[in-house]
Amino acid sequence: MNVLARLPLAAAEMAIYGPAYGYLNFLIRSPEPLEAEATWRNVAGDAPAAFRWLRTNWPPTFLRGALLAAKRRQDHVLGIAAHYDVSNDFYELFLDKKYMFYSCADFHSATDTLEDAQQHKADFILKLIDPQPGEKILELGCGWGPMLKRVHQATGDKENLFGYTLSKEQVAYNQTHNGFNVEFRDFITSDYPPETYDKIYSIGAWEHVRPSETPPLLKKLYGALKPGGRLVQHFFCRLQESFPASAVVSQLFFPGSINASVRYQVRACEAAGFRVGQMSVHDYRPTLRAWFDNLERNRQRALELVGVQTFNRYLVFFPASWRYFDDMTGFVIRLRLDKPG
């Protein structure tokens, strides 16, 4: 679709869904692969004041809920498949080589590589989980199994590790490469046997839990843990209680996923019976830039694997997400939630 054909559609989307949505989709629809640095500059860079105001305030608050209503009724598997069932080989082009984490890393210094930073993150979360051999441990939204690998390294116990994912590609990857007990299963709608697990955790999966789903899911997970067990979460959430304009924009990349505010999350955890044992805040921006650079370095192979439109979508997704965090619309938190013994 050439520029002249894309402009009317972009204008219509800007009017309905907001300028950021329309502009990003205009870029994604380019029939040619986007140029990397220009894309980063145009999406993550500073914008004119008028555009910044529109990006933050359009669509207006009363309209956002209506636009998101249909997405809130969508089956989770559709949104997960749209983002994750692209190609395992494609994700290997830009994720870290040791674990394949698709979540915020911990860069301790400017000299850290992506692999260093993901190791820091894995070690940090390992301490929160504190896994012991023989404990039954479940990961919600386990991805390609990176944290299962780290837990297995620490305990030597693979038999008692379990993972759920809604990506068929990730199930196949875990079966082929890791041999973990990974099921194709929606952890949000699943029922859990009472007092079965010692530890439950999620890394970069809780973002897919919609606000209305959060309290009942937390109650189920609380019941699934043994007395003295713990739930560990790593996820990003928004600051404001109402839906920001970015919630509409995010549907370009994660259709059907709408997260809640940090205040809402903590209240729901405590209402379910959990005690907040530890909470920390982390910076997603260096990870997003590292993924972007890796994707650009592997541009030709990425185009061979997924084609122009998917390549463009991810080349836009990383700087758009960087802007989301730089604007402090949202941030990454880690929670250790304890069930009293």
Protein backbone atom coordinates (compact mmCIF):
# COMPACT_ATOMS: atom_id res chain seq x y z
CA MET A 1 0.00 0.00 0.00
CA ASN A 2 1.71 3.22 -1.16
CA VAL A 3 1.75 6.52 0.73
CA LEU A 4 -1.25 8.06 -1.03
CA ALA A 5 -3.37 4.98 -0.36
CA ARG A 6 -2.28 4.82 3.29
CA LEU A 7 -2.91 8.49 4.13
CA PRO A 8 -6.76 8.48 4.13
CA LEU A 9 -6.82 5.35 6.29
CA ALA A 10 -4.28 6.86 8.68
CA ALA A 11 -6.33 10.06 8.92
CA ALA A 12 -9.47 8.11 9.75
CA GLU A 13 -7.67 6.07 12.41
CA MET A 14 -6.18 9.23 13.92
CA ALA A 15 -9.63 10.75 14.24
CA ILE A 16 -11.11 7.67 15.92
CA TYR A 17 -8.26 5.96 17.76
CA GLY A 18 -5.88 8.87 18.24
CA PRO A 19 -2.85 10.32 16.44
CA ALA A 20 -0.37 7.82 17.87
CA TYR A 21 -2.45 4.82 16.75
CA GLY A 22 -2.96 6.22 13.26
CA TYR A 23 0.66 7.25 12.81
CA LEU A 24 2.13 3.98 14.03
CA ASN A 25 -0.20 1.95 11.86
CA PHE A 26 0.72 4.17 8.92
CA LEU A 27 4.37 3.21 9.45
CA ILE A 28 3.60 -0.48 9.92
CA ARG A 29 1.66 -0.62 6.64
CA SER A 30 4.62 0.61 4.61
CA PRO A 31 5.23 -1.76 1.69
CA GLU A 32 8.97 -1.29 2.23
CA PRO A 33 11.01 -2.18 5.32
CA LEU A 34 11.30 0.85 7.58
CA GLU A 35 14.66 2.50 8.08
CA ALA A 36 15.73 1.82 11.65
CA GLU A 37 17.17 5.06 13.00
CA ALA A 38 14.53 7.22 11.35
CA THR A 39 11.84 5.01 12.87
CA TRP A 40 13.37 5.23 16.35
CA ARG A 41 13.76 9.00 16.06
CA ASN A 42 10.23 9.56 14.75
CA VAL A 43 8.51 7.26 17.25
CA ALA A 44 10.61 7.53 20.44
CA GLY A 45 11.95 11.05 19.94
CA ASP A 46 10.48 14.31 21.16
CA ALA A 47 7.37 15.43 19.31
CA PRO A 48 5.79 18.88 18.87
CA ALA A 49 3.77 20.02 21.88
CA ALA A 50 0.46 19.82 20.03
CA PHE A 51 1.09 16.21 19.00
CA ARG A 52 2.15 15.30 22.55
CA TRP A 53 -1.10 16.73 23.90
CA LEU A 54 -3.16 14.84 21.35
CA ARG A 55 -1.18 11.65 21.95
CA THR A 56 -2.03 11.86 25.65
CA ASN A 57 -5.61 13.06 25.42
CA TRP A 58 -7.12 11.52 22.28
CA PRO A 59 -9.31 9.56 22.15
CA PRO A 60 -11.01 11.28 25.10
CA THR A 61 -11.62 9.33 28.28
CA PHE A 62 -15.31 8.65 27.64
CA LEU A 63 -14.51 7.11 24.25
CA ARG A 64 -11.61 4.89 25.33
CA GLY A 65 -13.79 2.47 27.27
CA ALA A 66 -16.11 2.03 24.31
CA LEU A 67 -13.22 1.39 21.93
CA LEU A 68 -11.73 -1.18 24.30
CA ALA A 69 -15.02 -2.90 25.14
CA ALA A 70 -14.88 -5.37 22.26
CA LYS A 71 -11.24 -6.14 22.98
CA ARG A 72 -12.12 -6.95 26.60
CA ARG A 73 -14.45 -9.67 25.36
CA GLN A 74 -11.89 -11.23 23.01
CA ASP A 75 -10.51 -14.67 23.79
CA HIS A 76 -6.98 -14.33 25.18
CA VAL A 77 -5.62 -16.96 22.82
CA LEU A 78 -6.28 -14.71 19.81
CA GLY A 79 -4.18 -11.86 21.14
CA ILE A 80 -1.38 -14.11 22.36
CA ALA A 81 -1.22 -15.95 19.04
CA ALA A 82 -1.14 -12.65 17.12
CA HIS A 83 1.96 -11.51 18.98
CA TYR A 84 3.84 -14.66 19.96
CA ASP A 85 3.05 -17.23 17.28
CA VAL A 86 5.12 -15.41 14.68
CA SER A 87 8.26 -17.54 14.49
CA ASN A 88 10.55 -18.87 17.18
CA ASP A 89 13.48 -18.28 14.83
CA PHE A 90 12.41 -14.65 14.49
CA TYR A 91 12.43 -14.08 18.24
CA GLU A 92 15.85 -15.67 18.48
CA LEU A 93 17.18 -12.85 16.30
CA PHE A 94 16.71 -10.19 18.96
CA LEU A 95 16.28 -11.86 22.36
CA ASP A 96 19.22 -12.78 24.58
CA LYS A 97 21.09 -15.88 23.48
CA LYS A 98 21.25 -17.72 26.81
CA TYR A 99 17.66 -17.63 28.08
CA MET A 100 15.37 -16.00 25.48
CA PHE A 101 13.66 -13.69 27.99
CA TYR A 102 10.99 -11.50 26.43
CA SER A 103 10.70 -9.18 29.43
CA CYS A 104 12.54 -6.28 31.06
CA ALA A 105 16.19 -6.95 31.89
CA ASP A 106 18.34 -5.37 34.61
CA PHE A 107 21.13 -3.26 33.11
CA HIS A 108 23.49 -2.43 35.97
CA SER A 109 25.97 -0.44 33.88
CA ALA A 110 26.47 0.99 30.40
CA THR A 111 28.84 -1.86 29.57
CA ASP A 112 26.30 -4.63 30.30
CA THR A 113 25.27 -6.71 27.32
CA LEU A 114 21.69 -7.89 26.92
CA GLU A 115 22.87 -11.32 28.09
CA ASP A 116 24.41 -9.77 31.22
CA ALA A 117 21.27 -7.82 31.96
CA GLN A 118 18.96 -10.81 31.56
CA GLN A 119 21.22 -12.84 33.85
CA HIS A 120 20.92 -10.08 36.46
CA LYS A 121 17.13 -10.19 36.12
CA ALA A 122 17.00 -13.99 36.33
CA ASP A 123 19.13 -13.96 39.49
CA PHE A 124 17.03 -11.21 41.06
CA ILE A 125 13.76 -13.05 40.46
CA LEU A 126 15.31 -16.35 41.58
CA LYS A 127 15.91 -14.80 45.01
CA LEU A 128 12.29 -13.68 45.15
CA ILE A 129 11.04 -17.17 44.30
CA ASP A 130 13.63 -18.91 46.52
CA PRO A 131 13.00 -22.34 44.95
CA GLN A 132 13.99 -25.47 46.82
CA PRO A 133 14.42 -29.02 45.47
CA GLY A 134 11.19 -30.96 45.79
CA GLU A 135 8.96 -27.89 45.80
CA LYS A 136 6.15 -27.85 43.26
CA ILE A 137 6.52 -24.66 41.24
CA LEU A 138 4.29 -23.24 38.50
CA GLU A 139 5.08 -20.48 36.01
CA LEU A 140 2.18 -18.58 34.45
CA GLY A 141 2.92 -17.56 30.86
CA CYS A 142 6.28 -19.31 30.71
CA GLY A 143 7.37 -18.15 27.24
CA TRP A 144 10.30 -20.09 25.84
CA GLY A 145 11.16 -21.37 29.31
CA PRO A 146 13.90 -18.93 30.39
CA MET A 147 13.00 -18.72 34.07
CA LEU A 148 12.22 -22.42 34.21
CA LYS A 149 15.83 -22.90 33.06
CA ARG A 150 17.14 -20.66 35.84
CA VAL A 151 15.05 -22.40 38.51
CA HIS A 152 16.20 -25.79 37.22
CA GLN A 153 19.82 -24.62 37.37
CA ALA A 154 19.33 -23.68 41.02
CA THR A 155 17.44 -26.78 42.19
CA GLY A 156 18.38 -29.55 39.77
CA ASP A 157 14.70 -30.54 39.96
CA LYS A 158 12.85 -30.55 36.64
CA GLU A 159 10.07 -32.97 37.58
CA ASN A 160 8.33 -30.47 39.87
CA LEU A 161 8.49 -27.50 37.47
CA PHE A 162 5.40 -26.66 35.44
CA GLY A 163 4.52 -23.94 32.96
CA TYR A 164 1.44 -22.65 31.14
CA THR A 165 1.40 -20.70 27.87
CA LEU A 166 -1.14 -19.80 25.19
CA SER A 167 1.47 -19.82 22.43
CA LYS A 168 1.66 -23.04 20.43
CA GLU A 169 5.07 -21.96 19.16
CA GLN A 170 6.34 -21.71 22.73
CA VAL A 171 4.92 -25.11 23.68
CA ALA A 172 6.73 -26.64 20.72
CA TYR A 173 9.96 -24.84 21.60
CA ASN A 174 9.90 -26.06 25.19
CA GLN A 175 9.19 -29.62 24.13
CA THR A 176 12.01 -29.58 21.58
CA HIS A 177 14.68 -27.65 23.47
CA ASN A 178 13.98 -27.84 27.20
CA GLY A 179 11.87 -30.86 28.12
CA PHE A 180 9.87 -28.91 30.68
CA ASN A 181 6.30 -29.76 31.70
CA VAL A 182 4.70 -26.99 29.64
CA GLU A 183 1.00 -27.00 28.74
CA PHE A 184 -1.02 -25.02 26.23
CA ARG A 185 -3.36 -23.53 28.81
CA ASP A 186 -4.97 -20.21 29.73
CA PHE A 187 -3.78 -19.49 33.25
CA ILE A 188 -6.46 -16.80 33.66
CA THR A 189 -9.48 -19.05 33.12
CA SER A 190 -7.96 -22.24 34.57
CA ASP A 191 -9.02 -23.76 37.85
CA TYR A 192 -6.30 -24.76 40.31
CA PRO A 193 -6.38 -27.60 42.83
CA PRO A 194 -6.24 -26.25 46.38
CA GLU A 195 -2.94 -26.00 48.26
CA THR A 196 -0.95 -27.70 45.50
CA TYR A 197 1.99 -25.39 44.77
CA ASP A 198 4.79 -24.09 46.94
CA LYS A 199 5.61 -21.23 44.57
CA ILE A 200 3.81 -19.63 41.62
CA TYR A 201 5.34 -16.88 39.52
CA SER A 202 4.85 -14.93 36.33
CA ILE A 203 7.29 -12.81 34.30
CA GLY A 204 5.86 -10.51 31.65
CA ALA A 205 2.52 -12.34 31.57
CA TRP A 206 0.39 -10.48 34.10
CA GLU A 207 0.05 -7.60 31.60
CA HIS A 208 -2.43 -9.80 29.73
CA VAL A 209 -4.73 -10.08 32.76
CA ARG A 210 -7.57 -7.58 32.36
CA PRO A 211 -8.69 -5.54 35.39
CA SER A 212 -11.96 -7.45 35.81
CA GLU A 213 -10.05 -10.75 35.74
CA THR A 214 -7.44 -9.74 38.32
CA PRO A 215 -9.31 -10.19 41.66
CA PRO A 216 -10.81 -13.63 40.89
CA LEU A 217 -7.51 -14.89 39.49
CA LEU A 218 -5.59 -13.75 42.55
CA LYS A 219 -8.08 -15.54 44.78
CA LYS A 220 -7.63 -18.76 42.78
CA LEU A 221 -3.85 -18.50 42.99
CA TYR A 222 -3.99 -17.79 46.71
CA GLY A 223 -6.04 -20.95 47.15
CA ALA A 224 -3.66 -22.97 44.95
CA LEU A 225 -0.66 -22.15 47.15
CA LYS A 226 0.24 -24.15 50.21
CA PRO A 227 0.31 -22.24 53.52
CA GLY A 228 3.57 -20.29 53.60
CA GLY A 229 3.79 -20.28 49.81
CA ARG A 230 4.44 -17.25 47.66
CA LEU A 231 3.43 -15.64 44.39
CA VAL A 232 6.10 -13.67 42.50
CA GLN A 233 5.15 -11.28 39.72
CA HIS A 234 7.16 -9.23 37.23
CA PHE A 235 5.00 -7.05 35.00
CA PHE A 236 4.39 -3.51 33.83
CA CYS A 237 1.32 -1.55 34.79
CA ARG A 238 -0.04 1.94 34.36
CA LEU A 239 0.07 4.77 36.88
CA GLN A 240 -3.37 6.28 36.41
CA GLU A 241 -6.58 4.57 37.41
CA SER A 242 -8.48 5.36 34.21
CA PHE A 243 -7.48 3.97 30.82
CA PRO A 244 -4.76 6.14 29.24
CA ALA A 245 -4.82 6.82 25.51
CA SER A 246 -1.92 4.38 25.21
CA ALA A 247 -4.29 1.53 26.15
CA VAL A 248 -5.91 1.99 22.75
CA VAL A 249 -2.56 2.20 20.96
CA SER A 250 -1.37 -1.00 22.62
CA GLN A 251 -4.07 -2.96 20.77
CA LEU A 252 -1.87 -2.69 17.66
CA PHE A 253 0.62 -4.99 19.33
CA PHE A 254 -1.26 -6.95 22.04
CA PRO A 255 -4.90 -7.14 20.94
CA GLY A 256 -7.15 -7.92 23.87
CA SER A 257 -4.56 -7.20 26.57
CA ILE A 258 -5.50 -4.33 28.89
CA ASN A 259 -3.63 -3.99 32.17
CA ALA A 260 -4.60 -2.30 35.43
CA SER A 261 -3.05 0.43 37.55
CA VAL A 262 -0.44 -0.34 40.20
CA ARG A 263 -2.78 0.81 42.96
CA TYR A 264 -5.52 -1.49 41.70
CA GLN A 265 -3.06 -4.41 41.51
CA VAL A 266 -1.80 -4.00 45.08
CA ARG A 267 -5.33 -3.59 46.47
CA ALA A 268 -6.45 -6.76 44.67
CA CYS A 269 -3.45 -8.72 46.00
CA GLU A 270 -4.18 -7.70 49.57
CA ALA A 271 -7.91 -8.37 49.16
CA ALA A 272 -7.08 -11.92 48.03
CA GLY A 273 -5.20 -12.47 51.30
CA PHE A 274 -1.59 -11.90 50.20
CA ARG A 275 0.93 -9.88 52.15
CA VAL A 276 3.23 -7.74 50.00
CA GLY A 277 6.66 -8.95 51.09
CA GLN A 278 8.73 -7.01 48.57
CA MET A 279 8.14 -4.51 45.77
CA SER A 280 10.63 -2.93 43.38
CA VAL A 281 10.52 -0.73 40.27
CA HIS A 282 12.61 -1.34 37.11
CA ASP A 283 13.47 0.45 33.87
CA TYR A 284 12.35 -1.22 30.64
CA ARG A 285 13.91 1.31 28.26
CA PRO A 286 17.45 -0.16 27.88
CA THR A 287 15.99 -3.60 27.10
CA LEU A 288 13.71 -2.21 24.40
CA ARG A 289 16.61 -0.40 22.75
CA ALA A 290 18.75 -3.55 22.87
CA TRP A 291 16.02 -5.60 21.17
CA PHE A 292 15.56 -2.91 18.55
CA ASP A 293 19.29 -2.86 17.77
CA ASN A 294 19.43 -6.65 17.56
CA LEU A 295 16.48 -6.72 15.18
CA GLU A 296 18.08 -4.13 12.94
CA ARG A 297 21.38 -6.03 12.92
CA ASN A 298 19.47 -9.10 11.74
CA ARG A 299 17.20 -7.19 9.35
CA GLN A 300 17.70 -9.37 6.29
CA ARG A 301 17.11 -12.63 8.11
CA ALA A 302 14.05 -11.18 9.87
CA LEU A 303 12.53 -10.16 6.53
CA GLU A 304 13.15 -13.64 5.19
CA LEU A 305 11.41 -15.22 8.19
CA VAL A 306 8.36 -12.98 8.68
CA GLY A 307 8.09 -10.52 5.78
CA VAL A 308 7.86 -6.75 5.65
CA GLN A 309 4.66 -6.10 7.63
CA THR A 310 5.66 -8.12 10.69
CA PHE A 311 9.20 -6.73 10.58
CA ASN A 312 7.80 -3.20 10.49
CA ARG A 313 5.40 -3.94 13.34
CA TYR A 314 8.22 -4.94 15.68
CA LEU A 315 10.53 -2.15 14.50
CA VAL A 316 7.73 0.25 15.51
CA PHE A 317 6.73 -1.65 18.66
CA PHE A 318 10.06 -1.23 20.46
CA PRO A 319 10.38 2.58 20.20
CA ALA A 320 6.63 3.00 20.84
CA SER A 321 7.03 1.00 24.05
CA TRP A 322 10.14 3.00 24.94
CA ARG A 323 8.10 6.19 24.62
CA TYR A 324 5.38 4.70 26.86
CA PHE A 325 7.87 4.18 29.67
CA ASP A 326 9.79 7.41 29.07
CA ASP A 327 6.51 9.33 29.39
CA MET A 328 6.04 7.51 32.74
CA THR A 329 2.63 6.32 31.63
CA GLY A 330 3.62 2.98 33.10
CA PHE A 331 6.52 1.17 34.74
CA VAL A 332 7.79 -2.31 35.56
CA ILE A 333 7.27 -3.67 39.06
CA ARG A 334 8.24 -6.87 40.82
CA LEU A 335 6.18 -8.17 43.69
CA ARG A 336 6.76 -10.94 46.20
CA LEU A 337 3.39 -11.85 47.64
CA ASP A 338 3.34 -14.12 50.66
CA LYS A 339 0.57 -16.44 51.82
CA PRO A 340 0.64 -16.71 55.61
CA GLY A 341 1.66 -20.10 56.93
